[in-house]
Amino acid sequence: MEFKDYYKILGVAEAASADDIKKAYRKLARKYHPDVSKEKDAEVKFKEVGEAYEVLKDPEKRAEYDQLKRMGAYSEDGRFRPPPDWESASNFSGGGFTEADARHFSDFFESVFGHGGSAHRTYRQGHQQSFRMRGEDVHAKIALFLEEAFHGCEKQVQVQVPEIDEYGLVGHRSKSLNVKIPAGMGPGQHVRLRGQGAAGFGGAENGDLFLEVDLAPHPVYSVDGKDIYLTLPVSPWEAALGATVTAPTLSGKVNVKVPKGASSGQKLRLKGKGLPGKPAGDQIIVLQVTLPKSHSADAEALYKELAEKEKSYNPRSKLGV
């Protein structure tokens, strides 16, 4: 069978970036869209462009394709033939990286990446199946306050979704959605909204919308994964003698036991007080010993007495001074 040069079909260099490949695909998809194109063999070219993009936009498929291209897997008659026992790691079956519909793809694609089963054969036998392609997935970010992420919330978001108009031009449509954010979503996690991405072609299903959670900086807490960090000031006497103090958490105030002889930077763990989940994160309290800005005369006298009684203690001994 004929080797398909997907880079040539999209008109890009082999070193082209993912963005360049996407731009080239959109330009050609607009040019050959079968609903509006006047180009000769527009539908055939549209399918070739879709097949090429299916491979080159998927890092795994692209790497396999590049490997085959370098290997020069050709038979004696100069036609392409996959190496013996070749099996694609991606093993395309209509549910891979892009979840595209395989029915319109070529024999070459099937020989390299597997096949879509009977649906693919149906297309080849009679071209009775109309062209169908799943819509693109759309990715966007959603900013949350930490309290919203902790408790869960409902947010209204606006996203830009790619859309091909009746003339085959690719534009973007603003879409407003009410989104329910489950409790415990952390930075970098995604909320998936099925069918809210770009519209599919020919009645195929729409793509999905993926919202990546981004947390706004908090004046008191910081977040690391599912754990929440809090710096808790304590007085010198609380640190020296030990004490039970009150600390805030996102689910309310709790009593925390500061151990006797505690020091700045010492960490205390509140199990299960971090972001909700299975398992939930913890809240990490970082102690910070603080002093009053001024002391009474009696307090200064006590400090002098303390200094005299503890004069053998050198906090800088490890520095050699």
C-alpha atoms as a PDB file:
ATOM      1  CA  MET A   1       0.000   0.000   0.000  1.00  0.00           C
ATOM      2  CA  GLU A   2       1.059   3.597  -0.427  1.00  0.00           C
ATOM      3  CA  PHE A   3       2.937   5.238   2.420  1.00  0.00           C
ATOM      4  CA  LYS A   4       1.106   8.349   3.542  1.00  0.00           C
ATOM      5  CA  ASP A   5       3.277  11.330   4.333  1.00  0.00           C
ATOM      6  CA  TYR A   6       1.146  13.021   6.955  1.00  0.00           C
ATOM      7  CA  TYR A   7       3.535  15.964   7.222  1.00  0.00           C
ATOM      8  CA  LYS A   8       3.225  16.577   3.489  1.00  0.00           C
ATOM      9  CA  ILE A   9      -0.562  16.273   3.639  1.00  0.00           C
ATOM     10  CA  LEU A  10      -0.701  18.997   6.293  1.00  0.00           C
ATOM     11  CA  GLY A  11       2.088  20.992   4.638  1.00  0.00           C
ATOM     12  CA  VAL A  12       4.281  21.158   7.732  1.00  0.00           C
ATOM     13  CA  ALA A  13       7.896  20.262   8.497  1.00  0.00           C
ATOM     14  CA  GLU A  14       8.724  17.106  10.434  1.00  0.00           C
ATOM     15  CA  ALA A  15       9.941  19.294  13.289  1.00  0.00           C
ATOM     16  CA  ALA A  16       6.704  21.294  13.369  1.00  0.00           C
ATOM     17  CA  SER A  17       5.341  22.148  16.793  1.00  0.00           C
ATOM     18  CA  ALA A  18       1.945  20.983  18.029  1.00  0.00           C
ATOM     19  CA  ASP A  19       0.611  24.514  17.552  1.00  0.00           C
ATOM     20  CA  ASP A  20       1.869  24.688  13.955  1.00  0.00           C
ATOM     21  CA  ILE A  21       0.261  21.328  13.201  1.00  0.00           C
ATOM     22  CA  LYS A  22      -3.020  22.465  14.697  1.00  0.00           C
ATOM     23  CA  LYS A  23      -2.988  25.696  12.702  1.00  0.00           C
ATOM     24  CA  ALA A  24      -2.253  23.819   9.475  1.00  0.00           C
ATOM     25  CA  TYR A  25      -5.055  21.360  10.157  1.00  0.00           C
ATOM     26  CA  ARG A  26      -7.603  24.074  10.843  1.00  0.00           C
ATOM     27  CA  LYS A  27      -6.638  25.937   7.682  1.00  0.00           C
ATOM     28  CA  LEU A  28      -6.985  22.831   5.494  1.00  0.00           C
ATOM     29  CA  ALA A  29     -10.134  21.612   7.261  1.00  0.00           C
ATOM     30  CA  ARG A  30     -11.716  24.941   6.433  1.00  0.00           C
ATOM     31  CA  LYS A  31     -10.543  24.729   2.828  1.00  0.00           C
ATOM     32  CA  TYR A  32     -11.839  21.200   2.210  1.00  0.00           C
ATOM     33  CA  HIS A  33     -14.865  21.074   4.461  1.00  0.00           C
ATOM     34  CA  PRO A  34     -17.326  18.977   2.388  1.00  0.00           C
ATOM     35  CA  ASP A  35     -20.337  21.076   3.307  1.00  0.00           C
ATOM     36  CA  VAL A  36     -18.976  24.230   1.725  1.00  0.00           C
ATOM     37  CA  SER A  37     -15.832  23.532  -0.293  1.00  0.00           C
ATOM     38  CA  LYS A  38     -15.868  23.867  -4.066  1.00  0.00           C
ATOM     39  CA  GLU A  39     -12.462  22.171  -4.368  1.00  0.00           C
ATOM     40  CA  LYS A  40     -12.179  19.013  -6.456  1.00  0.00           C
ATOM     41  CA  ASP A  41     -12.208  15.860  -4.289  1.00  0.00           C
ATOM     42  CA  ALA A  42     -12.782  18.040  -1.248  1.00  0.00           C
ATOM     43  CA  GLU A  43     -14.268  15.222   0.830  1.00  0.00           C
ATOM     44  CA  VAL A  44     -11.338  12.889   0.100  1.00  0.00           C
ATOM     45  CA  LYS A  45      -8.841  15.584   0.997  1.00  0.00           C
ATOM     46  CA  PHE A  46     -10.807  16.511   4.083  1.00  0.00           C
ATOM     47  CA  LYS A  47     -10.565  12.917   5.269  1.00  0.00           C
ATOM     48  CA  GLU A  48      -6.844  12.772   4.523  1.00  0.00           C
ATOM     49  CA  VAL A  49      -6.292  15.961   6.491  1.00  0.00           C
ATOM     50  CA  GLY A  50      -8.305  14.586   9.419  1.00  0.00           C
ATOM     51  CA  GLU A  51      -6.354  11.318   9.382  1.00  0.00           C
ATOM     52  CA  ALA A  52      -3.015  13.126   9.266  1.00  0.00           C
ATOM     53  CA  TYR A  53      -4.022  15.372  12.147  1.00  0.00           C
ATOM     54  CA  GLU A  54      -5.269  12.404  14.155  1.00  0.00           C
ATOM     55  CA  VAL A  55      -1.755  10.957  14.061  1.00  0.00           C
ATOM     56  CA  LEU A  56       0.410  14.067  14.341  1.00  0.00           C
ATOM     57  CA  LYS A  57      -1.478  15.707  17.198  1.00  0.00           C
ATOM     58  CA  ASP A  58      -1.122  12.601  19.363  1.00  0.00           C
ATOM     59  CA  PRO A  59       2.462  12.451  20.753  1.00  0.00           C
ATOM     60  CA  GLU A  60       2.380   8.659  21.008  1.00  0.00           C
ATOM     61  CA  LYS A  61       1.084   8.046  17.503  1.00  0.00           C
ATOM     62  CA  ARG A  62       3.382  10.703  16.089  1.00  0.00           C
ATOM     63  CA  ALA A  63       6.426   9.044  17.666  1.00  0.00           C
ATOM     64  CA  GLU A  64       5.452   5.670  16.200  1.00  0.00           C
ATOM     65  CA  TYR A  65       4.798   7.168  12.807  1.00  0.00           C
ATOM     66  CA  ASP A  66       8.141   8.984  12.809  1.00  0.00           C
ATOM     67  CA  GLN A  67       9.868   5.737  13.722  1.00  0.00           C
ATOM     68  CA  LEU A  68       8.263   3.914  10.807  1.00  0.00           C
ATOM     69  CA  LYS A  69       9.122   6.771   8.495  1.00  0.00           C
ATOM     70  CA  ARG A  70      12.775   6.591   9.511  1.00  0.00           C
ATOM     71  CA  MET A  71      12.838   2.790   9.232  1.00  0.00           C
ATOM     72  CA  GLY A  72      11.746   2.983   5.623  1.00  0.00           C
ATOM     73  CA  ALA A  73       9.475  -0.020   5.936  1.00  0.00           C
ATOM     74  CA  TYR A  74       9.009  -0.753   2.228  1.00  0.00           C
ATOM     75  CA  SER A  75       8.761  -3.983   0.260  1.00  0.00           C
ATOM     76  CA  GLU A  76      10.703  -4.756  -2.929  1.00  0.00           C
ATOM     77  CA  ASP A  77       8.074  -3.157  -5.130  1.00  0.00           C
ATOM     78  CA  GLY A  78       8.570   0.079  -3.257  1.00  0.00           C
ATOM     79  CA  ARG A  79       5.226   0.005  -1.543  1.00  0.00           C
ATOM     80  CA  PHE A  80       4.872   0.398   2.181  1.00  0.00           C
ATOM     81  CA  ARG A  81       4.689  -2.662   4.378  1.00  0.00           C
ATOM     82  CA  PRO A  82       4.856  -2.548   8.193  1.00  0.00           C
ATOM     83  CA  PRO A  83       7.718  -4.538   9.760  1.00  0.00           C
ATOM     84  CA  PRO A  84       6.859  -8.156  10.656  1.00  0.00           C
ATOM     85  CA  ASP A  85       4.954  -8.487  13.925  1.00  0.00           C
ATOM     86  CA  TRP A  86       4.520  -4.718  14.054  1.00  0.00           C
ATOM     87  CA  GLU A  87       1.946  -3.714  16.633  1.00  0.00           C
ATOM     88  CA  SER A  88       1.153  -0.171  17.529  1.00  0.00           C
ATOM     89  CA  ALA A  89       1.474   0.714  21.187  1.00  0.00           C
ATOM     90  CA  SER A  90      -1.450   3.096  20.784  1.00  0.00           C
ATOM     91  CA  ASN A  91      -3.559   0.345  19.076  1.00  0.00           C
ATOM     92  CA  PHE A  92      -6.156   2.778  17.844  1.00  0.00           C
ATOM     93  CA  SER A  93      -9.689   1.559  18.389  1.00  0.00           C
ATOM     94  CA  GLY A  94     -11.738   4.713  18.475  1.00  0.00           C
ATOM     95  CA  GLY A  95     -11.038   5.510  22.110  1.00  0.00           C
ATOM     96  CA  GLY A  96      -7.452   6.628  22.282  1.00  0.00           C
ATOM     97  CA  PHE A  97      -5.829   9.985  22.781  1.00  0.00           C
ATOM     98  CA  THR A  98      -8.273  11.875  20.613  1.00  0.00           C
ATOM     99  CA  GLU A  99     -11.195   9.458  20.554  1.00  0.00           C
ATOM    100  CA  ALA A 100     -11.745  10.164  16.877  1.00  0.00           C
ATOM    101  CA  ASP A 101     -13.946   8.021  14.661  1.00  0.00           C
ATOM    102  CA  ALA A 102     -11.780   5.602  12.626  1.00  0.00           C
ATOM    103  CA  ARG A 103     -14.320   4.764   9.973  1.00  0.00           C
ATOM    104  CA  HIS A 104     -12.997   7.273   7.475  1.00  0.00           C
ATOM    105  CA  PHE A 105      -9.330   6.417   7.883  1.00  0.00           C
ATOM    106  CA  SER A 106      -7.208   4.638   5.272  1.00  0.00           C
ATOM    107  CA  ASP A 107      -5.740   1.141   4.954  1.00  0.00           C
ATOM    108  CA  PHE A 108      -2.378   2.690   5.759  1.00  0.00           C
ATOM    109  CA  PHE A 109      -3.676   4.033   9.054  1.00  0.00           C
ATOM    110  CA  GLU A 110      -5.195   0.666   9.901  1.00  0.00           C
ATOM    111  CA  SER A 111      -1.971  -1.206   9.102  1.00  0.00           C
ATOM    112  CA  VAL A 112       0.016   1.045  11.425  1.00  0.00           C
ATOM    113  CA  PHE A 113      -2.313   1.835  14.298  1.00  0.00           C
ATOM    114  CA  GLY A 114      -4.855  -0.976  14.244  1.00  0.00           C
ATOM    115  CA  HIS A 115      -8.411  -0.649  13.121  1.00  0.00           C
ATOM    116  CA  GLY A 116     -11.827   0.406  14.229  1.00  0.00           C
ATOM    117  CA  GLY A 117     -13.432  -2.987  13.647  1.00  0.00           C
ATOM    118  CA  SER A 118     -16.502  -3.439  11.508  1.00  0.00           C
ATOM    119  CA  ALA A 119     -17.214   0.257  11.342  1.00  0.00           C
ATOM    120  CA  HIS A 120     -14.020   0.792   9.365  1.00  0.00           C
ATOM    121  CA  ARG A 121     -14.822  -2.030   6.965  1.00  0.00           C
ATOM    122  CA  THR A 122     -18.272  -0.680   6.363  1.00  0.00           C
ATOM    123  CA  TYR A 123     -16.838   2.552   5.095  1.00  0.00           C
ATOM    124  CA  ARG A 124     -14.335   0.893   2.793  1.00  0.00           C
ATOM    125  CA  GLN A 125     -16.823  -1.462   1.217  1.00  0.00           C
ATOM    126  CA  GLY A 126     -19.322   0.999   0.008  1.00  0.00           C
ATOM    127  CA  HIS A 127     -18.646   4.519   1.203  1.00  0.00           C
ATOM    128  CA  GLN A 128     -22.173   4.244   2.535  1.00  0.00           C
ATOM    129  CA  GLN A 129     -21.279   5.718   5.860  1.00  0.00           C
ATOM    130  CA  SER A 130     -21.442   9.497   5.882  1.00  0.00           C
ATOM    131  CA  PHE A 131     -18.388  11.328   7.117  1.00  0.00           C
ATOM    132  CA  ARG A 132     -18.292  11.660  10.862  1.00  0.00           C
ATOM    133  CA  MET A 133     -15.654  13.039  13.211  1.00  0.00           C
ATOM    134  CA  ARG A 134     -15.787  13.678  16.910  1.00  0.00           C
ATOM    135  CA  GLY A 135     -15.489  17.321  17.958  1.00  0.00           C
ATOM    136  CA  GLU A 136     -12.301  18.638  19.532  1.00  0.00           C
ATOM    137  CA  ASP A 137     -11.877  18.699  23.280  1.00  0.00           C
ATOM    138  CA  VAL A 138     -11.631  22.210  24.702  1.00  0.00           C
ATOM    139  CA  HIS A 139      -9.384  23.150  27.626  1.00  0.00           C
ATOM    140  CA  ALA A 140      -9.796  26.202  29.849  1.00  0.00           C
ATOM    141  CA  LYS A 141      -8.961  27.317  33.388  1.00  0.00           C
ATOM    142  CA  ILE A 142     -11.295  28.145  36.231  1.00  0.00           C
ATOM    143  CA  ALA A 143     -10.090  30.302  39.134  1.00  0.00           C
ATOM    144  CA  LEU A 144     -11.379  29.467  42.618  1.00  0.00           C
ATOM    145  CA  PHE A 145     -10.934  30.817  46.106  1.00  0.00           C
ATOM    146  CA  LEU A 146      -9.587  28.216  48.501  1.00  0.00           C
ATOM    147  CA  GLU A 147     -12.842  28.236  50.448  1.00  0.00           C
ATOM    148  CA  GLU A 148     -14.749  27.429  47.221  1.00  0.00           C
ATOM    149  CA  ALA A 149     -12.389  24.558  46.456  1.00  0.00           C
ATOM    150  CA  PHE A 150     -12.658  23.234  50.014  1.00  0.00           C
ATOM    151  CA  HIS A 151     -16.437  23.302  50.326  1.00  0.00           C
ATOM    152  CA  GLY A 152     -17.368  22.851  46.651  1.00  0.00           C
ATOM    153  CA  CYS A 153     -19.436  25.418  44.786  1.00  0.00           C
ATOM    154  CA  GLU A 154     -21.348  26.283  41.663  1.00  0.00           C
ATOM    155  CA  LYS A 155     -19.769  28.716  39.222  1.00  0.00           C
ATOM    156  CA  GLN A 156     -20.846  30.287  35.973  1.00  0.00           C
ATOM    157  CA  VAL A 157     -18.066  30.180  33.391  1.00  0.00           C
ATOM    158  CA  GLN A 158     -17.684  31.490  29.870  1.00  0.00           C
ATOM    159  CA  VAL A 159     -15.484  29.618  27.418  1.00  0.00           C
ATOM    160  CA  GLN A 160     -14.613  30.020  23.761  1.00  0.00           C
ATOM    161  CA  VAL A 161     -15.534  26.940  21.725  1.00  0.00           C
ATOM    162  CA  PRO A 162     -14.269  26.472  18.122  1.00  0.00           C
ATOM    163  CA  GLU A 163     -17.032  26.269  15.572  1.00  0.00           C
ATOM    164  CA  ILE A 164     -17.147  25.882  11.770  1.00  0.00           C
ATOM    165  CA  ASP A 165     -19.768  28.063  10.152  1.00  0.00           C
ATOM    166  CA  GLU A 166     -21.820  27.378   7.023  1.00  0.00           C
ATOM    167  CA  TYR A 167     -18.967  28.722   4.858  1.00  0.00           C
ATOM    168  CA  GLY A 168     -16.397  26.400   6.423  1.00  0.00           C
ATOM    169  CA  LEU A 169     -14.695  29.176   8.370  1.00  0.00           C
ATOM    170  CA  VAL A 170     -13.381  28.273  11.800  1.00  0.00           C
ATOM    171  CA  GLY A 171     -14.446  30.762  14.434  1.00  0.00           C
ATOM    172  CA  HIS A 172     -15.148  30.725  18.139  1.00  0.00           C
ATOM    173  CA  ARG A 173     -18.432  30.917  19.960  1.00  0.00           C
ATOM    174  CA  SER A 174     -18.750  32.166  23.505  1.00  0.00           C
ATOM    175  CA  LYS A 175     -20.490  29.641  25.682  1.00  0.00           C
ATOM    176  CA  SER A 176     -21.852  30.240  29.194  1.00  0.00           C
ATOM    177  CA  LEU A 177     -22.188  27.261  31.511  1.00  0.00           C
ATOM    178  CA  ASN A 178     -23.134  26.637  35.125  1.00  0.00           C
ATOM    179  CA  VAL A 179     -20.531  24.305  36.572  1.00  0.00           C
ATOM    180  CA  LYS A 180     -20.710  22.356  39.808  1.00  0.00           C
ATOM    181  CA  ILE A 181     -17.279  22.118  41.428  1.00  0.00           C
ATOM    182  CA  PRO A 182     -17.008  19.148  43.806  1.00  0.00           C
ATOM    183  CA  ALA A 183     -15.438  19.718  47.224  1.00  0.00           C
ATOM    184  CA  GLY A 184     -11.712  19.103  47.446  1.00  0.00           C
ATOM    185  CA  MET A 185     -10.563  20.168  43.967  1.00  0.00           C
ATOM    186  CA  GLY A 186      -6.912  21.192  44.070  1.00  0.00           C
ATOM    187  CA  PRO A 187      -4.747  23.223  41.694  1.00  0.00           C
ATOM    188  CA  GLY A 188      -4.107  21.441  38.417  1.00  0.00           C
ATOM    189  CA  GLN A 189      -7.065  19.081  38.745  1.00  0.00           C
ATOM    190  CA  HIS A 190      -9.678  19.033  35.995  1.00  0.00           C
ATOM    191  CA  VAL A 191     -13.443  19.121  35.885  1.00  0.00           C
ATOM    192  CA  ARG A 192     -14.666  17.286  32.782  1.00  0.00           C
ATOM    193  CA  LEU A 193     -17.912  18.349  31.139  1.00  0.00           C
ATOM    194  CA  ARG A 194     -18.871  15.743  28.591  1.00  0.00           C
ATOM    195  CA  GLY A 195     -20.156  17.021  25.262  1.00  0.00           C
ATOM    196  CA  GLN A 196     -19.444  20.696  26.012  1.00  0.00           C
ATOM    197  CA  GLY A 197     -16.427  20.955  23.688  1.00  0.00           C
ATOM    198  CA  ALA A 198     -16.456  21.594  19.939  1.00  0.00           C
ATOM    199  CA  ALA A 199     -19.348  20.192  17.906  1.00  0.00           C
ATOM    200  CA  GLY A 200     -18.775  16.925  16.027  1.00  0.00           C
ATOM    201  CA  PHE A 201     -19.034  16.546  12.250  1.00  0.00           C
ATOM    202  CA  GLY A 202     -21.777  14.579  10.544  1.00  0.00           C
ATOM    203  CA  GLY A 203     -23.685  13.809  13.705  1.00  0.00           C
ATOM    204  CA  ALA A 204     -20.651  12.521  15.625  1.00  0.00           C
ATOM    205  CA  GLU A 205     -20.494  13.301  19.318  1.00  0.00           C
ATOM    206  CA  ASN A 206     -19.194  16.611  20.596  1.00  0.00           C
ATOM    207  CA  GLY A 207     -15.833  16.955  22.269  1.00  0.00           C
ATOM    208  CA  ASP A 208     -15.542  17.478  26.001  1.00  0.00           C
ATOM    209  CA  LEU A 209     -14.684  20.588  28.004  1.00  0.00           C
ATOM    210  CA  PHE A 210     -11.876  20.273  30.545  1.00  0.00           C
ATOM    211  CA  LEU A 211     -11.656  22.996  33.197  1.00  0.00           C
ATOM    212  CA  GLU A 212      -8.315  23.124  35.037  1.00  0.00           C
ATOM    213  CA  VAL A 213      -8.612  24.407  38.602  1.00  0.00           C
ATOM    214  CA  ASP A 214      -6.426  27.365  39.527  1.00  0.00           C
ATOM    215  CA  LEU A 215      -6.498  28.644  43.126  1.00  0.00           C
ATOM    216  CA  ALA A 216      -6.252  32.328  44.002  1.00  0.00           C
ATOM    217  CA  PRO A 217      -3.547  33.181  46.591  1.00  0.00           C
ATOM    218  CA  HIS A 218      -4.899  33.063  50.155  1.00  0.00           C
ATOM    219  CA  PRO A 219      -3.838  35.550  52.874  1.00  0.00           C
ATOM    220  CA  VAL A 220      -3.583  32.839  55.559  1.00  0.00           C
ATOM    221  CA  TYR A 221      -3.252  29.405  53.970  1.00  0.00           C
ATOM    222  CA  SER A 222      -1.137  27.861  51.247  1.00  0.00           C
ATOM    223  CA  VAL A 223      -1.773  24.574  49.432  1.00  0.00           C
ATOM    224  CA  ASP A 224       0.532  21.721  48.465  1.00  0.00           C
ATOM    225  CA  GLY A 225      -1.398  18.924  46.776  1.00  0.00           C
ATOM    226  CA  LYS A 226      -4.195  18.009  49.173  1.00  0.00           C
ATOM    227  CA  ASP A 227      -2.408  19.467  52.229  1.00  0.00           C
ATOM    228  CA  ILE A 228      -3.094  22.964  53.573  1.00  0.00           C
ATOM    229  CA  TYR A 229      -0.341  24.907  55.334  1.00  0.00           C
ATOM    230  CA  LEU A 230      -0.817  27.521  58.071  1.00  0.00           C
ATOM    231  CA  THR A 231       1.810  29.517  59.932  1.00  0.00           C
ATOM    232  CA  LEU A 232       0.659  29.760  63.572  1.00  0.00           C
ATOM    233  CA  PRO A 233       2.257  32.407  65.836  1.00  0.00           C
ATOM    234  CA  VAL A 234       2.913  31.366  69.464  1.00  0.00           C
ATOM    235  CA  SER A 235       4.399  33.343  72.362  1.00  0.00           C
ATOM    236  CA  PRO A 236       7.827  32.482  73.840  1.00  0.00           C
ATOM    237  CA  TRP A 237       6.214  31.212  77.030  1.00  0.00           C
ATOM    238  CA  GLU A 238       3.736  29.020  75.098  1.00  0.00           C
ATOM    239  CA  ALA A 239       6.668  27.530  73.210  1.00  0.00           C
ATOM    240  CA  ALA A 240       8.805  27.121  76.337  1.00  0.00           C
ATOM    241  CA  LEU A 241       6.164  25.712  78.680  1.00  0.00           C
ATOM    242  CA  GLY A 242       3.807  24.062  76.210  1.00  0.00           C
ATOM    243  CA  ALA A 243       0.193  25.157  75.794  1.00  0.00           C
ATOM    244  CA  THR A 244      -3.138  24.440  74.198  1.00  0.00           C
ATOM    245  CA  VAL A 245      -3.944  27.172  71.673  1.00  0.00           C
ATOM    246  CA  THR A 246      -6.721  27.794  69.154  1.00  0.00           C
ATOM    247  CA  ALA A 247      -5.954  27.508  65.445  1.00  0.00           C
ATOM    248  CA  PRO A 248      -8.175  28.197  62.410  1.00  0.00           C
ATOM    249  CA  THR A 249      -8.972  25.577  59.800  1.00  0.00           C
ATOM    250  CA  LEU A 250     -11.234  25.797  56.770  1.00  0.00           C
ATOM    251  CA  SER A 251     -13.815  23.703  58.612  1.00  0.00           C
ATOM    252  CA  GLY A 252     -13.707  25.765  61.822  1.00  0.00           C
ATOM    253  CA  LYS A 253     -11.537  26.499  64.856  1.00  0.00           C
ATOM    254  CA  VAL A 254      -9.718  23.645  66.633  1.00  0.00           C
ATOM    255  CA  ASN A 255      -7.567  23.337  69.753  1.00  0.00           C
ATOM    256  CA  VAL A 256      -3.923  22.503  69.113  1.00  0.00           C
ATOM    257  CA  LYS A 257      -1.480  21.265  71.727  1.00  0.00           C
ATOM    258  CA  VAL A 258       1.882  23.017  71.407  1.00  0.00           C
ATOM    259  CA  PRO A 259       4.543  20.725  72.905  1.00  0.00           C
ATOM    260  CA  LYS A 260       6.837  21.942  75.652  1.00  0.00           C
ATOM    261  CA  GLY A 261      10.093  23.326  74.257  1.00  0.00           C
ATOM    262  CA  ALA A 262       8.641  23.970  70.769  1.00  0.00           C
ATOM    263  CA  SER A 263      10.602  26.148  68.355  1.00  0.00           C
ATOM    264  CA  SER A 264       9.942  28.212  65.236  1.00  0.00           C
ATOM    265  CA  GLY A 265       9.529  26.088  62.122  1.00  0.00           C
ATOM    266  CA  GLN A 266       8.324  23.053  64.025  1.00  0.00           C
ATOM    267  CA  LYS A 267       5.400  21.398  62.257  1.00  0.00           C
ATOM    268  CA  LEU A 268       2.241  19.931  63.733  1.00  0.00           C
ATOM    269  CA  ARG A 269      -0.127  17.826  61.614  1.00  0.00           C
ATOM    270  CA  LEU A 270      -3.923  17.981  61.817  1.00  0.00           C
ATOM    271  CA  LYS A 271      -5.028  14.741  60.193  1.00  0.00           C
ATOM    272  CA  GLY A 272      -7.829  15.058  57.640  1.00  0.00           C
ATOM    273  CA  LYS A 273      -8.102  18.849  57.888  1.00  0.00           C
ATOM    274  CA  GLY A 274      -6.749  19.480  54.401  1.00  0.00           C
ATOM    275  CA  LEU A 275      -8.698  19.406  51.136  1.00  0.00           C
ATOM    276  CA  PRO A 276     -11.500  16.813  51.171  1.00  0.00           C
ATOM    277  CA  GLY A 277     -10.968  13.598  49.244  1.00  0.00           C
ATOM    278  CA  LYS A 278     -10.362   9.899  49.571  1.00  0.00           C
ATOM    279  CA  PRO A 279      -8.112  10.206  51.430  1.00  0.00           C
ATOM    280  CA  ALA A 280      -8.464  13.788  52.588  1.00  0.00           C
ATOM    281  CA  GLY A 281      -5.384  15.944  52.930  1.00  0.00           C
ATOM    282  CA  ASP A 282      -3.968  17.205  56.217  1.00  0.00           C
ATOM    283  CA  GLN A 283      -3.485  20.681  57.624  1.00  0.00           C
ATOM    284  CA  ILE A 284       0.129  21.363  58.463  1.00  0.00           C
ATOM    285  CA  ILE A 285       0.719  23.942  61.177  1.00  0.00           C
ATOM    286  CA  VAL A 286       4.104  25.629  61.138  1.00  0.00           C
ATOM    287  CA  LEU A 287       4.901  27.231  64.503  1.00  0.00           C
ATOM    288  CA  GLN A 288       6.349  30.718  64.599  1.00  0.00           C
ATOM    289  CA  VAL A 289       7.613  32.024  67.944  1.00  0.00           C
ATOM    290  CA  THR A 290       6.887  35.754  68.149  1.00  0.00           C
ATOM    291  CA  LEU A 291       7.665  38.476  70.706  1.00  0.00           C
ATOM    292  CA  PRO A 292       5.580  41.461  71.777  1.00  0.00           C
ATOM    293  CA  LYS A 293       6.764  44.721  70.221  1.00  0.00           C
ATOM    294  CA  SER A 294       7.323  46.166  73.712  1.00  0.00           C
ATOM    295  CA  HIS A 295       7.566  44.842  77.266  1.00  0.00           C
ATOM    296  CA  SER A 296       6.547  46.194  80.613  1.00  0.00           C
ATOM    297  CA  ALA A 297       9.223  46.958  83.190  1.00  0.00           C
ATOM    298  CA  ASP A 298       8.245  43.831  85.112  1.00  0.00           C
ATOM    299  CA  ALA A 299       8.542  41.692  82.000  1.00  0.00           C
ATOM    300  CA  GLU A 300      11.978  43.105  81.205  1.00  0.00           C
ATOM    301  CA  ALA A 301      13.055  42.295  84.745  1.00  0.00           C
ATOM    302  CA  LEU A 302      11.884  38.737  84.303  1.00  0.00           C
ATOM    303  CA  TYR A 303      13.786  38.465  81.017  1.00  0.00           C
ATOM    304  CA  LYS A 304      16.955  39.672  82.733  1.00  0.00           C
ATOM    305  CA  GLU A 305      16.446  37.131  85.472  1.00  0.00           C
ATOM    306  CA  LEU A 306      15.873  34.429  82.846  1.00  0.00           C
ATOM    307  CA  ALA A 307      19.012  35.450  80.980  1.00  0.00           C
ATOM    308  CA  GLU A 308      21.042  35.146  84.147  1.00  0.00           C
ATOM    309  CA  LYS A 309      19.617  31.732  84.997  1.00  0.00           C
ATOM    310  CA  GLU A 310      20.050  30.365  81.432  1.00  0.00           C
ATOM    311  CA  LYS A 311      23.372  32.040  80.579  1.00  0.00           C
ATOM    312  CA  SER A 312      24.992  28.710  79.789  1.00  0.00           C
ATOM    313  CA  TYR A 313      22.685  28.346  76.771  1.00  0.00           C
ATOM    314  CA  ASN A 314      24.227  29.507  73.496  1.00  0.00           C
ATOM    315  CA  PRO A 315      21.708  29.341  70.611  1.00  0.00           C
ATOM    316  CA  ARG A 316      24.585  30.012  68.150  1.00  0.00           C
ATOM    317  CA  SER A 317      26.877  27.266  69.311  1.00  0.00           C
ATOM    318  CA  LYS A 318      26.481  25.321  66.023  1.00  0.00           C
ATOM    319  CA  LEU A 319      27.854  28.348  64.203  1.00  0.00           C
ATOM    320  CA  GLY A 320      31.061  28.165  66.182  1.00  0.00           C
ATOM    321  CA  VAL A 321      30.512  31.540  67.847  1.00  0.00           C
END
